[in-house]
Structure formats: C-alpha cells, structure tokens
Protein backbone atom coordinates (compact mmCIF):
# COMPACT_ATOMS: atom_id res chain seq x y z
CA MET A 1 -5.64 49.20 4.99
CA PRO A 2 -6.83 45.73 6.11
CA SER A 3 -5.43 42.78 4.20
CA LEU A 4 -7.70 40.95 1.77
CA ARG A 5 -8.66 37.48 2.98
CA VAL A 6 -8.76 34.93 0.18
CA ALA A 7 -9.55 31.26 -0.22
CA SER A 8 -7.98 28.89 -2.71
CA PHE A 9 -9.73 26.05 -4.56
CA THR A 10 -8.65 23.25 -6.87
CA VAL A 11 -11.13 22.61 -9.67
CA LYS A 12 -11.12 19.47 -11.81
CA ALA A 13 -12.24 19.97 -15.40
CA THR A 14 -12.06 18.23 -18.74
CA ALA A 15 -9.66 19.54 -21.37
CA ALA A 16 -12.63 20.98 -23.30
CA GLN A 17 -13.94 22.81 -20.21
CA SER A 18 -10.48 24.13 -19.44
CA ALA A 19 -10.11 25.49 -22.97
CA ARG A 20 -13.54 27.20 -22.84
CA TRP A 21 -12.84 28.75 -19.44
CA LYS A 22 -9.41 29.99 -20.54
CA GLN A 23 -10.88 31.50 -23.72
CA ALA A 24 -13.67 33.24 -21.76
CA ALA A 25 -11.21 34.53 -19.15
CA ASP A 26 -8.79 35.77 -21.82
CA SER A 27 -11.61 37.61 -23.61
CA GLU A 28 -12.28 39.58 -20.41
CA GLY A 29 -8.61 40.07 -19.57
CA LEU A 30 -8.84 37.97 -16.41
CA ALA A 31 -7.00 35.01 -14.94
CA VAL A 32 -9.03 31.78 -15.11
CA GLY A 33 -9.40 31.64 -11.30
CA THR A 34 -10.73 35.21 -11.18
CA TRP A 35 -13.11 34.48 -14.05
CA LEU A 36 -14.38 31.29 -12.34
CA ALA A 37 -14.98 33.21 -9.10
CA GLY A 38 -17.09 35.74 -11.00
CA ALA A 39 -18.97 32.96 -12.80
CA ALA A 40 -19.74 31.22 -9.50
CA ASP A 41 -21.00 34.47 -7.95
CA ALA A 42 -23.18 35.13 -11.01
CA TYR A 43 -24.60 31.60 -10.74
CA LEU A 44 -25.54 32.13 -7.09
CA LYS A 45 -27.24 35.44 -7.93
CA VAL A 46 -29.26 33.77 -10.71
CA ARG A 47 -30.37 31.05 -8.26
CA ALA A 48 -31.39 33.71 -5.74
CA ARG A 49 -33.37 35.69 -8.32
CA ALA A 50 -35.09 32.49 -9.45
CA GLY A 51 -36.29 31.94 -5.88
CA LEU A 52 -34.21 28.82 -5.35
CA PRO A 53 -32.86 28.34 -1.82
CA LEU A 54 -29.12 28.34 -1.30
CA ALA A 55 -27.44 25.27 0.11
CA LEU A 56 -25.55 26.12 3.30
CA ALA A 57 -22.68 24.04 4.65
CA TRP A 58 -23.56 23.28 8.27
CA GLY A 59 -21.01 22.15 10.84
CA LYS A 60 -20.65 22.07 14.62
CA GLY A 61 -19.26 25.14 16.31
CA ARG A 62 -19.42 27.62 19.18
CA PHE A 63 -20.82 31.13 18.91
CA VAL A 64 -22.19 33.91 21.09
CA VAL A 65 -25.91 34.70 21.18
CA ARG A 66 -27.68 37.70 22.72
CA LEU A 67 -30.62 36.41 24.81
CA GLU A 68 -33.69 38.55 25.59
CA GLY A 69 -32.48 39.39 29.08
CA GLY A 70 -29.24 40.83 27.69
CA ALA A 71 -27.00 37.89 28.61
CA GLU A 72 -24.53 36.83 25.90
CA PRO A 73 -23.50 33.21 26.54
CA GLU A 74 -21.28 31.22 24.22
CA VAL A 75 -23.30 28.27 22.95
CA HIS A 76 -22.48 25.05 21.14
CA GLY A 77 -24.54 24.38 18.04
CA TRP A 78 -24.52 24.22 14.25
CA MET A 79 -23.04 26.98 12.10
CA ALA A 80 -23.28 27.97 8.43
CA ARG A 81 -22.13 31.57 8.31
CA PRO A 82 -23.77 33.98 8.73
CA PHE A 83 -26.17 31.76 10.72
CA GLY A 84 -26.04 29.58 13.79
CA ILE A 85 -28.54 27.24 15.47
CA TYR A 86 -28.55 26.39 19.16
CA HIS A 87 -30.74 24.28 21.42
CA GLY A 88 -32.94 26.69 23.32
CA SER A 89 -35.22 29.67 22.93
CA GLU A 90 -34.67 33.42 22.67
CA THR A 91 -34.97 33.66 26.46
CA ARG A 92 -32.95 30.67 27.68
CA LEU A 93 -30.67 27.81 26.72
CA VAL A 94 -31.92 24.22 26.94
CA PRO A 95 -29.37 21.85 28.53
CA ASN A 96 -28.65 18.41 27.11
CA GLY A 97 -31.38 18.34 24.45
CA SER A 98 -34.22 17.96 26.93
CA THR A 99 -36.84 19.60 24.67
CA HIS A 100 -37.43 20.21 20.99
CA VAL A 101 -36.68 23.94 20.85
CA TYR A 102 -34.10 25.29 18.40
CA THR A 103 -33.25 28.91 17.61
CA LEU A 104 -31.75 30.36 14.45
CA VAL A 105 -29.28 33.20 15.10
CA TYR A 106 -27.87 35.84 12.75
CA LEU A 107 -24.22 35.67 13.88
CA PRO A 108 -22.94 39.15 12.97
CA SER A 109 -25.50 40.78 15.28
CA ARG A 110 -25.76 37.75 17.65
CA LYS A 111 -29.51 38.24 17.35
CA PRO A 112 -32.00 35.33 17.44
CA VAL A 113 -34.11 35.29 14.28
CA ALA A 114 -36.71 32.60 15.03
CA THR A 115 -37.37 29.59 17.26
CA PHE A 116 -38.73 26.28 15.92
CA ARG A 117 -39.38 22.72 17.05
CA THR A 118 -36.88 21.22 14.59
CA VAL A 119 -33.39 21.97 13.33
CA ALA A 120 -34.70 21.32 9.80
CA HIS A 121 -37.02 24.34 10.04
CA CYS A 122 -34.13 26.52 11.24
CA ARG A 123 -31.95 25.36 8.34
CA ALA A 124 -34.71 25.92 5.78
CA LEU A 125 -35.29 29.47 7.05
CA ALA A 126 -31.54 30.18 6.99
CA SER A 127 -31.44 29.03 3.37
CA GLU A 128 -34.36 31.32 2.45
CA LEU A 129 -32.80 34.29 4.26
CA ALA A 130 -29.43 33.61 2.61
CA ARG A 131 -31.20 33.76 -0.76
CA LEU A 132 -32.65 37.17 0.14
CA TRP A 133 -29.30 38.40 1.40
CA VAL A 134 -27.45 37.33 -1.76
CA ARG A 135 -29.70 39.81 -3.57
CA TRP A 136 -28.39 42.51 -1.26
CA GLY A 137 -24.71 41.70 -1.79
CA GLY A 138 -24.30 39.65 1.39
CA SER A 139 -25.46 42.36 3.77
CA GLU A 140 -28.69 42.37 5.71
CA PRO A 141 -31.50 43.17 3.27
CA ALA A 142 -33.37 46.42 3.38
CA GLU A 143 -36.55 44.52 2.57
CA ASP A 144 -38.54 43.21 5.50
CA PRO A 145 -38.01 39.45 6.07
CA ALA A 146 -41.24 39.26 8.14
CA PRO A 147 -43.30 37.49 5.41
CA VAL A 148 -40.67 34.75 5.17
CA LEU A 149 -40.54 34.43 8.98
CA GLN A 150 -44.33 34.26 9.25
CA ARG A 151 -44.56 31.57 6.57
CA PHE A 152 -42.00 29.42 8.36
CA GLN A 153 -43.66 29.90 11.76
CA ARG A 154 -47.02 28.82 10.28
CA GLU A 155 -45.39 25.71 8.81
CA ASP A 156 -43.79 24.82 12.15
CA VAL A 157 -47.09 24.79 14.09
C-alpha cells in the first residue's frame, strides 16, 4: 500500500474563529485540521460550481512535453500543477524567447492543450480548465473541454 502524502499548514485565526472552528470540528468528530481541510475543499467546489476561475500558483520549473513528432524534450517554463507553460508550439520549441508563442501542457499526460500568443492566455485557460476539473474530483473531466478551448482561441486572435 503506497504511503499517503500530506502537507502541513499553519493557520492564524482570532480566538473567536478558533472557538467556532473547534466547535464545528467537534460536532463532526474531527480534528480541527481535518475539518479545515474539508471546509477548504468545499469552498473550492462552490467556487467551481459558481463558474469562478481558480487561482493557480505559478512558478518556474522543468517538465517533459510530448511534441507532435513524438519527441519528449524536457523544457523550462512555468508550472502550476497539473499544468505547465513553455515557449514554443505543439510542433517545436522556441529558443531564447524569439517569438510570442506559448503552449499550455497538461502535465500528467505531457500533452499540449493549446498554443497562444501570450502567457496570460495560457494561464487563464489553465484556470478555467482547473475549475472544470475540480468538478470531476481532480481527474480529467468526462465533459468535452472543446467549447472552453474554442472560446480562448477566439479571444487570442
């Protein structure tokens, strides 16, 4: 059985907030940290259902992408799991930022999702797709993301 990977957070709260959280957690028979984790997940699901985009934490990193020709180079770009953005298209990498071509990649499959002229468009699409995927419990959605992709490609023109 694989070990469970966990993260730990420190949360600052007022005494009144702390008392409310402890009371709510006790009423459900949970530790406060477990209750807060559930509350945060519920909040994200409500945002997704309301159609609000999810904020993704982007940072520099290296990841592998599967290009159209079958090559799988490791590229340097921006990452906010499960997405990455690199400078280049679905067919080739662009060295040293010589053109305005950026591609959004779904990291688990290494598959390019869409190519745009700006990083901002890639990030906005990733946020929209993350919202859809929260509805599906973090896995790739069964619903077709094509309408979202088409809307973003029209806006990029």
